[in-house]
Amino acid sequence: MANEDQFAQYPSLRDRVVVITGGASGIGEAFVEAFAMQKTQVAFFDVNDDAARALTERLTAAGGAEPDYYHCDLTDIAEVQRTVSNILQRFGTVDVLVNNAGNDMRHKVAEVTPEFWDKTIAVNLKHQFFMAQAVIPAMQKAQRGSIINMSSIGWVIPSVNQVVYVTTKAAVVGMTRTLAHELGVDNIRVNCIMPGAILTEKQQRLWLTKEYTAHVLENQALKRMIMPDEVARLALFLAADDSSGITNQSYVIDAGWV
């Protein structure tokens, strides 16, 4: 857990309702922690019940606002809609949506089947739109809101062995821009974050070989890995009223790779 005393506190976030998808691990876990320590009302989605419970217990013990965990398969849009409805019944509104959940599955072009294509789109893109669609009416009623979508620099840099994943992350930027223009009349801001190689537990376990680490550091301006909590602090800013004039933007956090 990061030392919160050395980083910004955002009074405008206190008691606001923040929904985070894929919040039990990785960057999503850092999002849940960062918002909980700002004393927001955090509701997070995942399917990993054990990790979610452990996170909730850890944050509560650390003095953060106790987050609410919702088991939800984000590829099941009907379940997504029911879960958002439950959150709205409990809290009355949603002030911030962080569309974080995704899976950067590696794959060769020749290996992509129609079924794999559809699954990857569902895991990385489809739910982002339908989560936004589900919370927009509450934001319109409140005449405020911040939607933060997660993209990636993968579609900007030369990426290989993940063509469908990269396609979804490029689409997120297009979706962000369109929603920003459509929802701006209701004072709803829509931005996205484009991380580079972030040092999550999963990245360390599956992909971060010595060779890949050397490749990352060679391409970055900063010669160190970026940590999940650094991404979370960007999300805090985009959620808070400090960024009230910012929408339709894609923020790169990649140590200067792009």
Protein backbone atom coordinates (compact mmCIF):
# COMPACT_ATOMS: atom_id res chain seq x y z
CA MET A 1 0.00 0.00 0.00
CA ALA A 2 1.33 3.41 -0.99
CA ASN A 3 2.03 6.08 1.64
CA GLU A 4 -1.06 8.22 1.11
CA ASP A 5 0.31 11.12 3.18
CA GLN A 6 2.71 12.13 0.43
CA PHE A 7 0.08 12.35 -2.31
CA ALA A 8 -2.85 14.65 -3.09
CA GLN A 9 -6.16 14.42 -1.25
CA TYR A 10 -9.29 15.44 -3.15
CA PRO A 11 -12.08 16.82 -0.94
CA SER A 12 -14.50 16.76 -3.89
CA LEU A 13 -14.28 12.95 -3.96
CA ARG A 14 -15.31 12.45 -0.34
CA ASP A 15 -18.53 10.37 -0.12
CA ARG A 16 -18.93 10.23 -3.89
CA VAL A 17 -20.02 6.90 -5.37
CA VAL A 18 -17.33 5.31 -7.49
CA VAL A 19 -17.86 2.12 -9.49
CA ILE A 20 -14.76 0.20 -10.57
CA THR A 21 -14.73 -2.91 -12.75
CA GLY A 22 -12.09 -5.61 -12.39
CA GLY A 23 -11.16 -4.25 -8.98
CA ALA A 24 -9.83 -7.29 -7.14
CA SER A 25 -6.33 -7.38 -8.62
CA GLY A 26 -3.78 -5.55 -10.74
CA ILE A 27 -4.41 -1.94 -11.68
CA GLY A 28 -8.02 -2.35 -10.59
CA GLU A 29 -6.92 -3.21 -7.06
CA ALA A 30 -4.85 -0.02 -7.01
CA PHE A 31 -7.92 1.94 -8.14
CA VAL A 32 -10.06 0.49 -5.36
CA GLU A 33 -7.38 1.26 -2.78
CA ALA A 34 -6.79 4.80 -3.99
CA PHE A 35 -10.47 5.74 -4.03
CA ALA A 36 -11.18 4.02 -0.71
CA MET A 37 -8.41 6.03 0.93
CA GLN A 38 -10.10 9.18 -0.39
CA LYS A 39 -13.19 8.18 1.64
CA THR A 40 -15.36 7.60 -1.39
CA GLN A 41 -18.14 5.04 -1.54
CA VAL A 42 -16.47 2.37 -3.70
CA ALA A 43 -18.40 -0.39 -5.41
CA PHE A 44 -16.20 -2.76 -7.34
CA PHE A 45 -16.91 -5.68 -9.68
CA ASP A 46 -14.92 -8.86 -10.13
CA VAL A 47 -15.29 -12.65 -10.27
CA ASN A 48 -12.39 -13.47 -7.94
CA ASP A 49 -14.25 -13.62 -4.63
CA ASP A 50 -11.25 -14.57 -2.49
CA ALA A 51 -9.10 -11.72 -3.77
CA ALA A 52 -11.97 -9.27 -3.44
CA ARG A 53 -12.66 -10.22 0.18
CA ALA A 54 -8.98 -10.01 1.07
CA LEU A 55 -8.76 -6.55 -0.49
CA THR A 56 -11.85 -5.32 1.34
CA GLU A 57 -10.52 -6.55 4.67
CA ARG A 58 -7.10 -5.01 4.09
CA LEU A 59 -8.46 -1.58 3.15
CA THR A 60 -10.91 -1.50 6.04
CA ALA A 61 -8.11 -2.34 8.48
CA ALA A 62 -6.00 0.45 6.96
CA GLY A 63 -8.64 3.05 7.69
CA GLY A 64 -10.12 3.49 4.23
CA ALA A 65 -13.84 3.59 3.49
CA GLU A 66 -15.04 -0.02 3.33
CA PRO A 67 -15.63 -0.86 -0.35
CA ASP A 68 -18.64 -2.87 -1.52
CA TYR A 69 -17.80 -5.92 -3.62
CA TYR A 70 -20.14 -7.24 -6.31
CA HIS A 71 -19.50 -10.58 -7.98
CA CYS A 72 -20.30 -9.90 -11.63
CA ASP A 73 -19.37 -11.56 -14.91
CA LEU A 74 -18.88 -8.52 -17.11
CA THR A 75 -19.33 -10.57 -20.29
CA ASP A 76 -22.95 -11.16 -19.20
CA ILE A 77 -24.56 -7.82 -20.03
CA ALA A 78 -27.84 -8.70 -18.31
CA GLU A 79 -25.88 -9.38 -15.11
CA VAL A 80 -24.02 -6.09 -15.56
CA GLN A 81 -27.30 -4.22 -15.82
CA ARG A 82 -28.77 -5.97 -12.77
CA THR A 83 -25.67 -5.24 -10.70
CA VAL A 84 -25.63 -1.55 -11.63
CA SER A 85 -29.34 -1.40 -10.75
CA ASN A 86 -28.53 -2.85 -7.32
CA ILE A 87 -25.83 -0.24 -6.79
CA LEU A 88 -28.21 2.56 -7.75
CA GLN A 89 -30.80 1.21 -5.32
CA ARG A 90 -28.20 1.14 -2.54
CA PHE A 91 -26.45 4.47 -3.16
CA GLY A 92 -28.96 6.44 -5.23
CA THR A 93 -26.46 7.52 -7.85
CA VAL A 94 -23.07 6.88 -9.46
CA ASP A 95 -20.65 9.81 -9.61
CA VAL A 96 -17.63 8.08 -11.15
CA LEU A 97 -17.25 5.00 -13.35
CA VAL A 98 -13.83 3.46 -13.89
CA ASN A 99 -14.05 0.95 -16.74
CA ASN A 100 -10.95 -1.01 -15.84
CA ALA A 101 -11.60 -4.73 -16.39
CA GLY A 102 -9.77 -6.46 -19.23
CA ASN A 103 -7.46 -9.31 -20.15
CA ASP A 104 -4.41 -8.90 -22.38
CA MET A 105 -4.41 -12.46 -23.67
CA ARG A 106 -1.51 -13.18 -26.01
CA HIS A 107 -2.35 -14.76 -29.36
CA LYS A 108 -1.04 -15.29 -32.88
CA VAL A 109 -3.02 -14.06 -35.87
CA ALA A 110 -3.45 -17.61 -37.19
CA GLU A 111 -4.85 -18.76 -33.85
CA VAL A 112 -7.76 -16.28 -33.76
CA THR A 113 -11.12 -17.98 -34.21
CA PRO A 114 -14.51 -16.24 -34.38
CA GLU A 115 -15.16 -17.51 -30.85
CA PHE A 116 -11.86 -16.11 -29.53
CA TRP A 117 -12.57 -12.80 -31.29
CA ASP A 118 -16.00 -12.50 -29.68
CA LYS A 119 -14.67 -13.47 -26.22
CA THR A 120 -11.84 -10.92 -26.40
CA ILE A 121 -14.20 -8.16 -27.52
CA ALA A 122 -16.56 -9.05 -24.65
CA VAL A 123 -13.80 -9.08 -22.03
CA ASN A 124 -12.09 -5.86 -23.14
CA LEU A 125 -14.60 -3.61 -24.89
CA LYS A 126 -18.27 -4.55 -24.86
CA HIS A 127 -18.82 -4.18 -21.12
CA GLN A 128 -17.19 -0.74 -21.10
CA PHE A 129 -19.99 0.61 -23.27
CA PHE A 130 -22.79 -1.14 -21.41
CA MET A 131 -21.43 -0.11 -18.01
CA ALA A 132 -21.44 3.49 -19.22
CA GLN A 133 -24.92 3.10 -20.66
CA ALA A 134 -26.17 1.80 -17.31
CA VAL A 135 -24.82 4.67 -15.19
CA ILE A 136 -25.44 7.55 -17.60
CA PRO A 137 -29.09 8.18 -16.58
CA ALA A 138 -28.07 8.72 -12.94
CA MET A 139 -25.28 11.06 -14.03
CA GLN A 140 -27.66 12.96 -16.28
CA LYS A 141 -30.08 13.38 -13.39
CA ALA A 142 -27.28 14.73 -11.21
CA GLN A 143 -25.91 16.85 -14.08
CA ARG A 144 -22.38 15.68 -13.34
CA GLY A 145 -20.21 12.62 -13.65
CA SER A 146 -16.82 11.29 -14.67
CA ILE A 147 -16.34 8.19 -16.80
CA ILE A 148 -12.80 6.87 -17.06
CA ASN A 149 -12.15 4.17 -19.66
CA MET A 150 -9.02 2.05 -19.76
CA SER A 151 -7.20 1.83 -23.07
CA SER A 152 -3.51 0.98 -23.61
CA ILE A 153 -0.50 2.22 -25.53
CA GLY A 154 -0.56 -1.19 -27.21
CA TRP A 155 -2.39 0.20 -30.24
CA VAL A 156 0.13 3.05 -30.61
CA ILE A 157 3.44 1.25 -30.26
CA PRO A 158 4.41 -1.68 -32.48
CA SER A 159 2.61 -4.51 -30.64
CA VAL A 160 2.66 -8.16 -31.67
CA ASN A 161 0.90 -11.33 -30.55
CA GLN A 162 -2.23 -9.55 -29.30
CA VAL A 163 -3.97 -8.15 -32.35
CA VAL A 164 -7.55 -8.56 -31.06
CA TYR A 165 -6.71 -7.07 -27.66
CA VAL A 166 -4.98 -4.12 -29.33
CA THR A 167 -8.03 -3.64 -31.58
CA THR A 168 -10.27 -3.32 -28.51
CA LYS A 169 -7.97 -0.78 -26.90
CA ALA A 170 -7.97 1.39 -30.02
CA ALA A 171 -11.76 1.18 -30.04
CA VAL A 172 -11.91 2.41 -26.43
CA VAL A 173 -10.35 5.71 -27.51
CA GLY A 174 -12.96 6.16 -30.23
CA MET A 175 -15.76 5.31 -27.83
CA THR A 176 -14.37 7.76 -25.28
CA ARG A 177 -14.29 10.61 -27.76
CA THR A 178 -17.82 10.01 -29.00
CA LEU A 179 -19.30 9.66 -25.51
CA ALA A 180 -17.50 12.82 -24.38
CA HIS A 181 -19.17 14.87 -27.09
CA GLU A 182 -22.56 13.23 -26.64
CA LEU A 183 -22.63 13.58 -22.84
CA GLY A 184 -20.94 16.94 -22.39
CA VAL A 185 -24.27 18.72 -22.53
CA ASP A 186 -25.10 16.99 -19.23
CA ASN A 187 -21.76 17.96 -17.64
CA ILE A 188 -20.57 14.34 -17.83
CA ARG A 189 -16.86 14.07 -18.56
CA VAL A 190 -15.41 11.07 -20.40
CA ASN A 191 -11.67 10.43 -20.58
CA CYS A 192 -9.43 7.44 -20.94
CA ILE A 193 -6.12 6.26 -19.57
CA MET A 194 -3.54 4.56 -21.77
CA PRO A 195 -1.03 2.69 -19.59
CA GLY A 196 2.22 1.24 -20.79
CA ALA A 197 3.97 -1.69 -19.15
CA ILE A 198 2.66 -1.56 -15.59
CA LEU A 199 4.29 -3.75 -12.96
CA THR A 200 1.27 -5.75 -11.80
CA GLU A 201 1.50 -9.17 -10.19
CA LYS A 202 0.08 -10.73 -13.35
CA GLN A 203 2.63 -9.04 -15.58
CA GLN A 204 5.43 -10.24 -13.35
CA ARG A 205 4.05 -13.78 -13.29
CA LEU A 206 3.26 -14.20 -16.99
CA TRP A 207 5.11 -11.77 -19.23
CA LEU A 208 7.91 -9.89 -17.50
CA THR A 209 10.94 -11.89 -18.57
CA LYS A 210 14.42 -10.40 -18.42
CA GLU A 211 14.26 -9.91 -22.18
CA TYR A 212 10.90 -8.14 -22.08
CA THR A 213 11.99 -5.95 -19.16
CA ALA A 214 15.07 -4.91 -21.13
CA HIS A 215 12.84 -4.12 -24.14
CA VAL A 216 10.53 -1.98 -22.00
CA LEU A 217 13.32 -0.02 -20.36
CA GLU A 218 15.08 0.54 -23.67
CA ASN A 219 11.96 2.18 -25.10
CA GLN A 220 10.94 4.21 -22.06
CA ALA A 221 12.37 7.62 -21.23
CA LEU A 222 12.24 6.77 -17.52
CA LYS A 223 14.39 3.74 -16.85
CA ARG A 224 12.14 2.10 -14.28
CA MET A 225 8.83 0.26 -14.25
CA ILE A 226 5.60 2.12 -13.63
CA MET A 227 3.58 0.88 -10.64
CA PRO A 228 -0.21 0.38 -10.47
CA ASP A 229 -0.65 3.09 -7.81
CA GLU A 230 0.82 5.64 -10.22
CA VAL A 231 -1.99 4.86 -12.66
CA ALA A 232 -4.51 5.10 -9.83
CA ARG A 233 -3.38 8.61 -8.90
CA LEU A 234 -4.11 9.73 -12.48
CA ALA A 235 -7.60 8.25 -12.19
CA LEU A 236 -8.17 10.15 -8.93
CA PHE A 237 -7.39 13.43 -10.68
CA LEU A 238 -9.71 12.64 -13.59
CA ALA A 239 -12.50 11.72 -11.18
CA ALA A 240 -12.13 14.78 -8.94
CA ASP A 241 -13.47 18.28 -9.52
CA ASP A 242 -9.85 19.40 -9.97
CA SER A 243 -10.20 18.19 -13.56
CA SER A 244 -13.66 19.69 -14.08
CA GLY A 245 -12.70 21.24 -17.42
CA ILE A 246 -11.14 18.10 -18.86
CA THR A 247 -13.00 15.71 -21.15
CA ASN A 248 -12.46 13.91 -24.47
CA GLN A 249 -8.82 13.22 -23.58
CA SER A 250 -6.60 10.15 -23.58
CA TYR A 251 -3.86 10.26 -20.96
CA VAL A 252 -0.72 8.22 -21.56
CA ILE A 253 1.14 6.92 -18.51
CA ASP A 254 4.01 4.86 -19.84
CA ALA A 255 7.28 6.39 -18.57
CA GLY A 256 7.75 8.10 -21.93
CA TRP A 257 7.47 5.13 -24.29
CA VAL A 258 5.06 6.75 -26.77
